[in-house]
Amino acid sequence: MLSSFVAKRLLTGVCQAAWRPSIIGMVSSRGYRGDAPDGPQVDLIEIPLPPWVERADEPIDTKRRRLLYESRKRGMLENCILLSIFAKRYLNKMTYSQLQQYDRLINEPSNDWDIYYWATETYPTPEVYQVEVMEMLKEFTKNKNHEQRLDAPSLDYLDEEYQLDRS
């Protein structure tokens, strides 16, 4: 027989799973709720996050390096792998406008799962993020060449690029 604690947790998980699809496609507010306390009379605490601000005067080389770092250091392993391999392949080829789109895409949404679900086309992408770079990411995510993507790429290629730049 299930304990009341296990039954309550199971029911909560089912209810949350049923509720999630109703918010698909909406842009999340920038906040973090953390673990919700049990009970209907307890107010939820939402920790506000500072708004994302575009770095308009950032040099393009600095922007590429920052985006490479931010692509590798995500809140979840799936996005670390997906975005770091995508960044390795495309960041050096992106125009300044595409870099701005990518910056907004990976830094404005406060929930990494949203980015993952949009890239894998599990949920529809909100119109504000439906840009050229998102289409590139969606196409990359399909992995039509069946590449093995089990880990973020080594950073050795950066040393090779640095050596090429210096010669």
Protein backbone atom coordinates (compact mmCIF):
# COMPACT_ATOMS: atom_id res chain seq x y z
CA MET A 1 0.00 0.00 0.00
CA LEU A 2 1.28 3.46 -0.90
CA SER A 3 2.00 5.85 1.90
CA SER A 4 0.06 9.10 1.81
CA PHE A 5 3.29 11.00 1.08
CA VAL A 6 4.06 8.87 -2.00
CA ALA A 7 0.45 9.06 -3.21
CA LYS A 8 0.44 12.85 -2.82
CA ARG A 9 3.72 13.18 -4.74
CA LEU A 10 2.43 10.90 -7.50
CA LEU A 11 -0.80 12.86 -7.83
CA THR A 12 1.10 16.17 -7.84
CA GLY A 13 3.36 14.91 -10.64
CA VAL A 14 0.38 13.79 -12.73
CA CYS A 15 -1.38 17.13 -12.23
CA GLN A 16 1.74 19.09 -13.14
CA ALA A 17 2.24 17.00 -16.27
CA ALA A 18 -1.36 17.63 -17.30
CA TRP A 19 -1.00 21.38 -16.65
CA ARG A 20 2.27 21.87 -18.60
CA PRO A 21 0.84 21.62 -22.15
CA SER A 22 -1.57 24.48 -21.48
CA ILE A 23 1.32 26.94 -21.25
CA ILE A 24 3.28 25.72 -24.28
CA GLY A 25 4.31 28.42 -26.68
CA MET A 26 4.12 31.21 -24.14
CA VAL A 27 7.24 33.15 -23.28
CA SER A 28 8.07 32.52 -19.66
CA SER A 29 8.55 35.42 -17.31
CA ARG A 30 12.06 35.84 -16.00
CA GLY A 31 11.76 34.25 -12.60
CA TYR A 32 12.56 31.10 -10.72
CA ARG A 33 9.95 29.42 -8.56
CA GLY A 34 12.02 26.63 -7.07
CA ASP A 35 10.23 23.76 -5.38
CA ALA A 36 6.59 24.61 -4.75
CA PRO A 37 5.49 24.03 -1.15
CA ASP A 38 2.66 21.61 -0.52
CA GLY A 39 -0.82 22.80 0.31
CA PRO A 40 -3.26 25.18 -1.39
CA GLN A 41 -2.97 27.90 1.28
CA VAL A 42 0.80 28.37 0.92
CA ASP A 43 1.82 31.21 -1.40
CA LEU A 44 4.51 30.43 -3.96
CA ILE A 45 7.70 32.43 -3.84
CA GLU A 46 9.02 33.57 -7.20
CA ILE A 47 12.56 34.89 -7.33
CA PRO A 48 12.74 37.60 -10.00
CA LEU A 49 15.66 37.47 -12.40
CA PRO A 50 17.13 40.64 -13.89
CA PRO A 51 15.90 41.34 -17.41
CA TRP A 52 18.12 40.24 -20.27
CA VAL A 53 19.98 43.20 -21.76
CA GLU A 54 21.55 43.08 -25.20
CA ARG A 55 25.23 44.04 -25.26
CA ALA A 56 25.06 46.35 -28.26
CA ASP A 57 28.64 47.69 -28.12
CA GLU A 58 30.31 44.33 -27.57
CA PRO A 59 33.07 43.56 -30.12
CA ILE A 60 32.17 40.62 -32.35
CA ASP A 61 35.15 38.50 -31.24
CA THR A 62 34.24 39.01 -27.58
CA LYS A 63 30.60 38.16 -28.34
CA ARG A 64 31.62 34.90 -30.05
CA ARG A 65 33.81 33.86 -27.14
CA ARG A 66 31.13 34.71 -24.57
CA LEU A 67 28.46 32.83 -26.53
CA LEU A 68 30.75 29.83 -26.84
CA TYR A 69 31.19 29.79 -23.07
CA GLU A 70 27.47 30.31 -22.43
CA SER A 71 26.64 27.52 -24.90
CA ARG A 72 28.81 25.12 -22.89
CA LYS A 73 27.68 26.13 -19.39
CA ARG A 74 23.94 25.54 -19.31
CA GLY A 75 21.54 24.50 -16.58
CA MET A 76 21.07 21.02 -18.03
CA LEU A 77 23.31 18.48 -19.73
CA GLU A 78 21.12 18.09 -22.83
CA ASN A 79 21.53 21.77 -23.71
CA CYS A 80 25.24 21.76 -22.78
CA ILE A 81 25.81 19.09 -25.40
CA LEU A 82 23.41 20.39 -28.03
CA LEU A 83 24.36 24.07 -27.83
CA SER A 84 28.12 23.54 -27.44
CA ILE A 85 28.32 21.36 -30.56
CA PHE A 86 26.07 23.81 -32.43
CA ALA A 87 28.29 26.70 -31.31
CA LYS A 88 31.46 24.89 -32.39
CA ARG A 89 30.01 24.36 -35.85
CA TYR A 90 28.31 27.72 -36.48
CA LEU A 91 29.51 30.57 -34.21
CA ASN A 92 32.53 31.48 -36.34
CA LYS A 93 30.35 31.58 -39.47
CA MET A 94 27.51 33.69 -38.01
CA THR A 95 26.96 37.30 -38.98
CA TYR A 96 26.65 39.92 -36.26
CA SER A 97 22.86 39.85 -36.64
CA GLN A 98 22.80 36.06 -36.25
CA LEU A 99 25.02 36.32 -33.17
CA GLN A 100 22.53 38.78 -31.65
CA GLN A 101 19.68 36.35 -32.37
CA TYR A 102 21.61 33.47 -30.80
CA ASP A 103 22.51 35.59 -27.78
CA ARG A 104 18.86 36.43 -27.18
CA LEU A 105 17.74 32.86 -27.78
CA ILE A 106 20.06 31.26 -25.23
CA ASN A 107 20.03 34.04 -22.63
CA GLU A 108 16.57 35.63 -22.50
CA PRO A 109 14.37 32.61 -21.65
CA SER A 110 14.83 31.75 -17.97
CA ASN A 111 14.10 28.06 -18.49
CA ASP A 112 16.59 25.88 -20.38
CA TRP A 113 13.91 23.25 -20.92
CA ASP A 114 11.98 25.71 -23.07
CA ILE A 115 14.99 26.13 -25.37
CA TYR A 116 15.41 22.35 -25.57
CA TYR A 117 11.73 21.73 -26.35
CA TRP A 118 11.73 24.44 -29.04
CA ALA A 119 14.93 23.11 -30.65
CA THR A 120 13.60 19.54 -30.71
CA GLU A 121 10.23 20.83 -31.93
CA THR A 122 8.45 19.15 -29.04
CA TYR A 123 6.67 22.44 -28.37
CA PRO A 124 6.08 25.31 -30.79
CA THR A 125 8.60 28.13 -30.66
CA PRO A 126 7.19 31.50 -29.54
CA GLU A 127 7.14 33.98 -32.39
CA VAL A 128 9.73 36.24 -30.74
CA TYR A 129 12.32 33.43 -30.95
CA GLN A 130 11.26 32.08 -34.35
CA VAL A 131 14.26 33.57 -36.17
CA GLU A 132 16.92 32.40 -38.63
CA VAL A 133 19.21 31.05 -35.91
CA MET A 134 16.36 29.05 -34.34
CA GLU A 135 15.75 27.42 -37.72
CA MET A 136 19.47 26.59 -37.93
CA LEU A 137 19.33 25.08 -34.42
CA LYS A 138 16.20 23.05 -35.23
CA GLU A 139 17.82 21.68 -38.39
CA PHE A 140 21.03 20.90 -36.48
CA THR A 141 19.02 19.15 -33.74
CA LYS A 142 17.50 16.75 -36.29
CA ASN A 143 20.99 15.25 -36.69
CA LYS A 144 20.37 13.98 -40.21
CA ASN A 145 23.96 12.67 -40.49
CA HIS A 146 23.48 10.55 -37.35
CA GLU A 147 26.51 12.03 -35.59
CA GLN A 148 27.33 10.69 -32.17
CA ARG A 149 26.64 13.55 -29.76
CA LEU A 150 27.30 12.23 -26.29
CA ASP A 151 29.42 15.00 -24.80
CA ALA A 152 30.40 18.61 -25.30
CA PRO A 153 33.32 18.97 -27.71
CA SER A 154 36.85 19.31 -26.40
CA LEU A 155 38.23 22.84 -26.46
CA ASP A 156 41.36 21.75 -28.35
CA TYR A 157 39.99 23.22 -31.56
CA LEU A 158 40.23 26.70 -29.99
CA ASP A 159 44.01 26.31 -29.63
CA GLU A 160 44.22 25.30 -33.29
CA GLU A 161 42.21 28.35 -34.37
CA TYR A 162 44.38 30.58 -32.18
CA GLN A 163 47.54 29.18 -33.81
CA LEU A 164 46.06 29.81 -37.29
CA ASP A 165 45.17 33.40 -36.35
CA ARG A 166 48.72 34.08 -35.13
CA SER A 167 50.44 32.79 -38.30
